[in-house]
Amino acid sequence: MVHHAAGEPIGRFLTIADTAEVLAVDVETVHELVLSGELPAIRIGDRGPWRVERSQLEVFIEMRYESTRREVAWNEGEFGNVIEFAGVRPGGLRPVD
């Protein structure tokens, strides 16, 4: 379980500050991710604080890993091994030209 710096466990919903701590970024970065819709969050009340669900944060992190993997593969010229880049359809068949 993730814990605050003070040692107490973090619950289901994280504050923007908690989320920034988990991601090791500043609060402004998390706020921008939330406002852009890239990091799903809910607002408590009409003008209340934002909260990020831990499961959504984990999905966001996994998506970032996948994005990085694809970027590295593309930059290294290994995109021929990546199905999405190689034009391989499910089942392993290449489209006929």
C-alpha atoms as a PDB file:
ATOM      1  CA  MET A   1       0.000   0.000   0.000  1.00  0.00           C
ATOM      2  CA  VAL A   2       1.173   3.533  -0.758  1.00  0.00           C
ATOM      3  CA  HIS A   3       1.835   5.732   2.269  1.00  0.00           C
ATOM      4  CA  HIS A   4       2.128   9.468   2.857  1.00  0.00           C
ATOM      5  CA  ALA A   5       5.550  10.788   3.788  1.00  0.00           C
ATOM      6  CA  ALA A   6       4.205  10.916   7.362  1.00  0.00           C
ATOM      7  CA  GLY A   7       3.630   7.151   7.222  1.00  0.00           C
ATOM      8  CA  GLU A   8      -0.163   6.870   7.167  1.00  0.00           C
ATOM      9  CA  PRO A   9      -1.712   4.879   4.286  1.00  0.00           C
ATOM     10  CA  ILE A  10      -3.226   6.667   1.300  1.00  0.00           C
ATOM     11  CA  GLY A  11      -6.863   5.712   0.664  1.00  0.00           C
ATOM     12  CA  ARG A  12      -8.795   5.082  -2.555  1.00  0.00           C
ATOM     13  CA  PHE A  13      -8.699   8.730  -3.649  1.00  0.00           C
ATOM     14  CA  LEU A  14      -5.548  10.802  -3.750  1.00  0.00           C
ATOM     15  CA  THR A  15      -5.248  14.552  -3.543  1.00  0.00           C
ATOM     16  CA  ILE A  16      -3.378  16.393  -6.263  1.00  0.00           C
ATOM     17  CA  ALA A  17      -0.452  16.667  -3.826  1.00  0.00           C
ATOM     18  CA  ASP A  18      -0.548  12.911  -3.084  1.00  0.00           C
ATOM     19  CA  THR A  19      -0.623  12.177  -6.808  1.00  0.00           C
ATOM     20  CA  ALA A  20       2.315  14.517  -7.398  1.00  0.00           C
ATOM     21  CA  GLU A  21       4.240  12.720  -4.660  1.00  0.00           C
ATOM     22  CA  VAL A  22       3.561   9.295  -6.204  1.00  0.00           C
ATOM     23  CA  LEU A  23       4.638  10.521  -9.652  1.00  0.00           C
ATOM     24  CA  ALA A  24       7.583  12.513  -8.245  1.00  0.00           C
ATOM     25  CA  VAL A  25       6.470  15.662 -10.067  1.00  0.00           C
ATOM     26  CA  ASP A  26       5.211  19.035  -8.906  1.00  0.00           C
ATOM     27  CA  VAL A  27       1.579  19.787  -8.101  1.00  0.00           C
ATOM     28  CA  GLU A  28       1.251  22.063 -11.143  1.00  0.00           C
ATOM     29  CA  THR A  29       2.155  19.193 -13.475  1.00  0.00           C
ATOM     30  CA  VAL A  30      -0.559  16.971 -12.000  1.00  0.00           C
ATOM     31  CA  HIS A  31      -3.077  19.806 -12.155  1.00  0.00           C
ATOM     32  CA  GLU A  32      -2.286  20.307 -15.861  1.00  0.00           C
ATOM     33  CA  LEU A  33      -2.682  16.559 -16.511  1.00  0.00           C
ATOM     34  CA  VAL A  34      -6.075  16.611 -14.786  1.00  0.00           C
ATOM     35  CA  LEU A  35      -7.313  19.729 -16.605  1.00  0.00           C
ATOM     36  CA  SER A  36      -6.189  18.333 -19.975  1.00  0.00           C
ATOM     37  CA  GLY A  37      -8.115  15.114 -19.308  1.00  0.00           C
ATOM     38  CA  GLU A  38      -4.977  13.023 -19.633  1.00  0.00           C
ATOM     39  CA  LEU A  39      -5.229  11.971 -15.977  1.00  0.00           C
ATOM     40  CA  PRO A  40      -8.837  11.166 -15.016  1.00  0.00           C
ATOM     41  CA  ALA A  41      -9.988  12.831 -11.805  1.00  0.00           C
ATOM     42  CA  ILE A  42     -13.168  13.866 -10.061  1.00  0.00           C
ATOM     43  CA  ARG A  43     -14.024  17.109  -8.368  1.00  0.00           C
ATOM     44  CA  ILE A  44     -15.617  16.986  -4.947  1.00  0.00           C
ATOM     45  CA  GLY A  45     -18.498  19.459  -5.160  1.00  0.00           C
ATOM     46  CA  ASP A  46     -18.858  22.263  -7.684  1.00  0.00           C
ATOM     47  CA  ARG A  47     -15.647  24.036  -6.724  1.00  0.00           C
ATOM     48  CA  GLY A  48     -14.113  21.507  -4.394  1.00  0.00           C
ATOM     49  CA  PRO A  49     -10.735  19.827  -4.595  1.00  0.00           C
ATOM     50  CA  TRP A  50      -9.767  17.359  -7.293  1.00  0.00           C
ATOM     51  CA  ARG A  51      -9.279  13.703  -6.396  1.00  0.00           C
ATOM     52  CA  VAL A  52      -7.510  11.024  -8.427  1.00  0.00           C
ATOM     53  CA  GLU A  53      -8.595   7.445  -7.897  1.00  0.00           C
ATOM     54  CA  ARG A  54      -5.611   5.179  -7.232  1.00  0.00           C
ATOM     55  CA  SER A  55      -6.743   2.674  -9.868  1.00  0.00           C
ATOM     56  CA  GLN A  56      -6.937   5.460 -12.478  1.00  0.00           C
ATOM     57  CA  LEU A  57      -3.452   6.598 -11.519  1.00  0.00           C
ATOM     58  CA  GLU A  58      -2.161   3.046 -12.029  1.00  0.00           C
ATOM     59  CA  VAL A  59      -3.808   2.921 -15.481  1.00  0.00           C
ATOM     60  CA  PHE A  60      -2.238   6.294 -16.320  1.00  0.00           C
ATOM     61  CA  ILE A  61       1.196   5.002 -15.278  1.00  0.00           C
ATOM     62  CA  GLU A  62       0.800   1.818 -17.341  1.00  0.00           C
ATOM     63  CA  MET A  63      -0.264   3.881 -20.359  1.00  0.00           C
ATOM     64  CA  ARG A  64       2.848   6.040 -19.943  1.00  0.00           C
ATOM     65  CA  TYR A  65       5.040   2.923 -19.845  1.00  0.00           C
ATOM     66  CA  GLU A  66       3.396   1.684 -23.051  1.00  0.00           C
ATOM     67  CA  SER A  67       3.801   5.070 -24.706  1.00  0.00           C
ATOM     68  CA  THR A  68       7.472   5.145 -23.736  1.00  0.00           C
ATOM     69  CA  ARG A  69       7.979   1.592 -25.017  1.00  0.00           C
ATOM     70  CA  ARG A  70       6.514   2.541 -28.387  1.00  0.00           C
ATOM     71  CA  GLU A  71       8.530   5.748 -28.591  1.00  0.00           C
ATOM     72  CA  VAL A  72      11.777   3.937 -27.807  1.00  0.00           C
ATOM     73  CA  ALA A  73      11.004   1.206 -30.348  1.00  0.00           C
ATOM     74  CA  TRP A  74      10.231   3.823 -32.981  1.00  0.00           C
ATOM     75  CA  ASN A  75      13.360   5.846 -32.244  1.00  0.00           C
ATOM     76  CA  GLU A  76      15.578   2.760 -32.299  1.00  0.00           C
ATOM     77  CA  GLY A  77      14.185   1.613 -35.607  1.00  0.00           C
ATOM     78  CA  GLU A  78      12.789  -1.549 -34.062  1.00  0.00           C
ATOM     79  CA  PHE A  79       9.242  -0.689 -35.046  1.00  0.00           C
ATOM     80  CA  GLY A  80       9.170  -3.645 -37.439  1.00  0.00           C
ATOM     81  CA  ASN A  81       8.819  -5.876 -34.378  1.00  0.00           C
ATOM     82  CA  VAL A  82       5.868  -3.926 -33.017  1.00  0.00           C
ATOM     83  CA  ILE A  83       2.593  -5.187 -34.463  1.00  0.00           C
ATOM     84  CA  GLU A  84       0.983  -1.740 -34.588  1.00  0.00           C
ATOM     85  CA  PHE A  85       3.897  -0.354 -36.614  1.00  0.00           C
ATOM     86  CA  ALA A  86       4.587  -3.382 -38.800  1.00  0.00           C
ATOM     87  CA  GLY A  87       1.140  -3.580 -40.351  1.00  0.00           C
ATOM     88  CA  VAL A  88       0.652  -7.103 -39.028  1.00  0.00           C
ATOM     89  CA  ARG A  89      -2.954  -8.006 -38.439  1.00  0.00           C
ATOM     90  CA  PRO A  90      -4.109 -10.219 -35.593  1.00  0.00           C
ATOM     91  CA  GLY A  91      -3.266 -13.789 -36.521  1.00  0.00           C
ATOM     92  CA  GLY A  92       0.142 -12.767 -37.840  1.00  0.00           C
ATOM     93  CA  LEU A  93      -0.828 -12.148 -41.480  1.00  0.00           C
ATOM     94  CA  ARG A  94       0.472  -9.138 -43.350  1.00  0.00           C
ATOM     95  CA  PRO A  95      -1.901  -7.303 -45.666  1.00  0.00           C
ATOM     96  CA  VAL A  96      -1.532  -8.193 -49.334  1.00  0.00           C
ATOM     97  CA  ASP A  97      -0.210  -5.345 -51.500  1.00  0.00           C
END
